[in-house]
């Protein structure tokens, strides 16, 4: 059984080999858009195909990219200054 480190390294090597073969194929094609998957679909279908081919590491990478986008969006969000809330008074009944 492979450890997580070995599995991650395996997927990284596999991805590098795929990337090299795509670069080699891109050299024989018309332009760099073929390499990026622009011809394979509209509206981000290429991203889904890439994640499906990359396996578990691709899913982790996609989630990390989405999280990074959210954090950047959150950091640029306008701030809203709320007034301080007045302290609440307790009703103390002395009998």
C-alpha atoms as a PDB file:
ATOM      1  CA  UNK A   1       0.000   0.000   0.000  1.00  0.00           C
ATOM      2  CA  UNK A   2       1.280   3.438  -0.928  1.00  0.00           C
ATOM      3  CA  UNK A   3       1.651   6.209   1.618  1.00  0.00           C
ATOM      4  CA  UNK A   4       0.111   9.612   0.956  1.00  0.00           C
ATOM      5  CA  UNK A   5       3.526  11.030   0.089  1.00  0.00           C
ATOM      6  CA  UNK A   6       4.177   8.278  -2.428  1.00  0.00           C
ATOM      7  CA  UNK A   7       0.703   8.650  -3.895  1.00  0.00           C
ATOM      8  CA  UNK A   8       1.104  12.422  -4.220  1.00  0.00           C
ATOM      9  CA  UNK A   9       4.506  11.975  -5.849  1.00  0.00           C
ATOM     10  CA  UNK A  10       3.026   9.417  -8.235  1.00  0.00           C
ATOM     11  CA  UNK A  11       0.273  11.812  -9.324  1.00  0.00           C
ATOM     12  CA  UNK A  12       2.772  14.664  -9.697  1.00  0.00           C
ATOM     13  CA  UNK A  13       4.986  12.545 -11.959  1.00  0.00           C
ATOM     14  CA  UNK A  14       1.940  11.400 -13.920  1.00  0.00           C
ATOM     15  CA  UNK A  15       0.814  14.999 -14.342  1.00  0.00           C
ATOM     16  CA  UNK A  16       4.297  16.076 -15.489  1.00  0.00           C
ATOM     17  CA  UNK A  17       4.376  13.306 -18.084  1.00  0.00           C
ATOM     18  CA  UNK A  18       0.930  14.298 -19.361  1.00  0.00           C
ATOM     19  CA  UNK A  19       1.973  17.943 -19.491  1.00  0.00           C
ATOM     20  CA  UNK A  20       5.125  17.122 -21.455  1.00  0.00           C
ATOM     21  CA  UNK A  21       3.172  15.047 -23.955  1.00  0.00           C
ATOM     22  CA  UNK A  22       0.633  17.865 -24.357  1.00  0.00           C
ATOM     23  CA  UNK A  23       3.448  20.359 -24.947  1.00  0.00           C
ATOM     24  CA  UNK A  24       4.917  18.053 -27.561  1.00  0.00           C
ATOM     25  CA  UNK A  25       1.526  17.740 -29.245  1.00  0.00           C
ATOM     26  CA  UNK A  26       1.019  21.513 -29.046  1.00  0.00           C
ATOM     27  CA  UNK A  27       4.226  22.116 -30.964  1.00  0.00           C
ATOM     28  CA  UNK A  28       2.774  20.172 -33.872  1.00  0.00           C
ATOM     29  CA  UNK A  29      -0.619  21.943 -33.683  1.00  0.00           C
ATOM     30  CA  UNK A  30      -1.676  25.399 -34.808  1.00  0.00           C
ATOM     31  CA  UNK A  31      -1.326  27.371 -31.588  1.00  0.00           C
ATOM     32  CA  UNK A  32      -1.156  27.507 -27.814  1.00  0.00           C
ATOM     33  CA  UNK A  33      -4.956  27.548 -27.474  1.00  0.00           C
ATOM     34  CA  UNK A  34      -5.009  23.859 -28.318  1.00  0.00           C
ATOM     35  CA  UNK A  35      -2.730  23.183 -25.360  1.00  0.00           C
ATOM     36  CA  UNK A  36      -4.944  25.111 -22.945  1.00  0.00           C
ATOM     37  CA  UNK A  37      -8.006  23.143 -23.982  1.00  0.00           C
ATOM     38  CA  UNK A  38      -9.846  26.145 -25.423  1.00  0.00           C
ATOM     39  CA  UNK A  39     -11.166  24.033 -28.298  1.00  0.00           C
ATOM     40  CA  UNK A  40     -12.682  21.394 -26.010  1.00  0.00           C
ATOM     41  CA  UNK A  41     -15.617  23.435 -24.816  1.00  0.00           C
ATOM     42  CA  UNK A  42     -17.150  26.583 -23.517  1.00  0.00           C
ATOM     43  CA  UNK A  43     -17.934  27.809 -20.015  1.00  0.00           C
ATOM     44  CA  UNK A  44     -15.151  26.053 -18.149  1.00  0.00           C
ATOM     45  CA  UNK A  45     -15.688  22.542 -19.486  1.00  0.00           C
ATOM     46  CA  UNK A  46     -11.932  22.340 -20.043  1.00  0.00           C
ATOM     47  CA  UNK A  47     -11.401  22.810 -16.304  1.00  0.00           C
ATOM     48  CA  UNK A  48     -13.697  19.905 -15.460  1.00  0.00           C
ATOM     49  CA  UNK A  49     -11.910  17.701 -17.999  1.00  0.00           C
ATOM     50  CA  UNK A  50      -8.537  18.659 -16.538  1.00  0.00           C
ATOM     51  CA  UNK A  51      -9.663  17.869 -12.986  1.00  0.00           C
ATOM     52  CA  UNK A  52     -11.087  14.521 -14.103  1.00  0.00           C
ATOM     53  CA  UNK A  53      -7.802  13.578 -15.765  1.00  0.00           C
ATOM     54  CA  UNK A  54      -5.650  14.705 -12.840  1.00  0.00           C
ATOM     55  CA  UNK A  55      -7.329  12.489 -10.243  1.00  0.00           C
ATOM     56  CA  UNK A  56      -7.358  13.278  -6.507  1.00  0.00           C
ATOM     57  CA  UNK A  57      -4.564  15.823  -6.717  1.00  0.00           C
ATOM     58  CA  UNK A  58      -6.539  17.702  -9.364  1.00  0.00           C
ATOM     59  CA  UNK A  59      -9.539  17.894  -7.078  1.00  0.00           C
ATOM     60  CA  UNK A  60      -7.395  19.214  -4.241  1.00  0.00           C
ATOM     61  CA  UNK A  61      -5.862  21.790  -6.580  1.00  0.00           C
ATOM     62  CA  UNK A  62      -9.295  22.923  -7.847  1.00  0.00           C
ATOM     63  CA  UNK A  63     -10.604  23.315  -4.298  1.00  0.00           C
ATOM     64  CA  UNK A  64      -7.478  25.267  -3.311  1.00  0.00           C
ATOM     65  CA  UNK A  65      -7.895  27.603  -6.301  1.00  0.00           C
ATOM     66  CA  UNK A  66     -11.542  28.221  -5.436  1.00  0.00           C
ATOM     67  CA  UNK A  67     -10.638  28.893  -1.804  1.00  0.00           C
ATOM     68  CA  UNK A  68      -7.919  31.314  -2.874  1.00  0.00           C
ATOM     69  CA  UNK A  69     -10.394  33.134  -5.149  1.00  0.00           C
ATOM     70  CA  UNK A  70     -12.881  33.394  -2.291  1.00  0.00           C
ATOM     71  CA  UNK A  71     -10.248  34.773   0.092  1.00  0.00           C
ATOM     72  CA  UNK A  72      -9.152  37.373  -2.459  1.00  0.00           C
ATOM     73  CA  UNK A  73     -12.791  38.346  -3.027  1.00  0.00           C
ATOM     74  CA  UNK A  74     -13.396  38.574   0.717  1.00  0.00           C
ATOM     75  CA  UNK A  75     -10.305  40.732   1.214  1.00  0.00           C
ATOM     76  CA  UNK A  76     -11.539  43.220  -1.404  1.00  0.00           C
ATOM     77  CA  UNK A  77     -15.106  43.316  -0.078  1.00  0.00           C
ATOM     78  CA  UNK A  78     -16.237  46.693   1.244  1.00  0.00           C
ATOM     79  CA  UNK A  79     -16.130  47.109   4.978  1.00  0.00           C
ATOM     80  CA  UNK A  80     -19.221  48.024   6.921  1.00  0.00           C
ATOM     81  CA  UNK A  81     -18.720  49.975  10.141  1.00  0.00           C
ATOM     82  CA  UNK A  82     -21.490  49.115  12.539  1.00  0.00           C
ATOM     83  CA  UNK A  83     -22.311  51.369  15.465  1.00  0.00           C
ATOM     84  CA  UNK A  84     -21.429  50.039  18.879  1.00  0.00           C
ATOM     85  CA  UNK A  85     -24.351  48.394  20.580  1.00  0.00           C
ATOM     86  CA  UNK A  86     -25.452  49.983  23.822  1.00  0.00           C
ATOM     87  CA  UNK A  87     -24.932  47.864  26.915  1.00  0.00           C
ATOM     88  CA  UNK A  88     -27.974  45.938  28.043  1.00  0.00           C
ATOM     89  CA  UNK A  89     -29.482  46.649  31.393  1.00  0.00           C
ATOM     90  CA  UNK A  90     -30.539  43.833  33.553  1.00  0.00           C
ATOM     91  CA  UNK A  91     -33.809  44.081  35.310  1.00  0.00           C
ATOM     92  CA  UNK A  92     -33.000  43.230  38.857  1.00  0.00           C
ATOM     93  CA  UNK A  93     -36.021  42.731  41.040  1.00  0.00           C
ATOM     94  CA  UNK A  94     -35.346  43.232  44.692  1.00  0.00           C
ATOM     95  CA  UNK A  95     -37.932  41.711  46.883  1.00  0.00           C
END
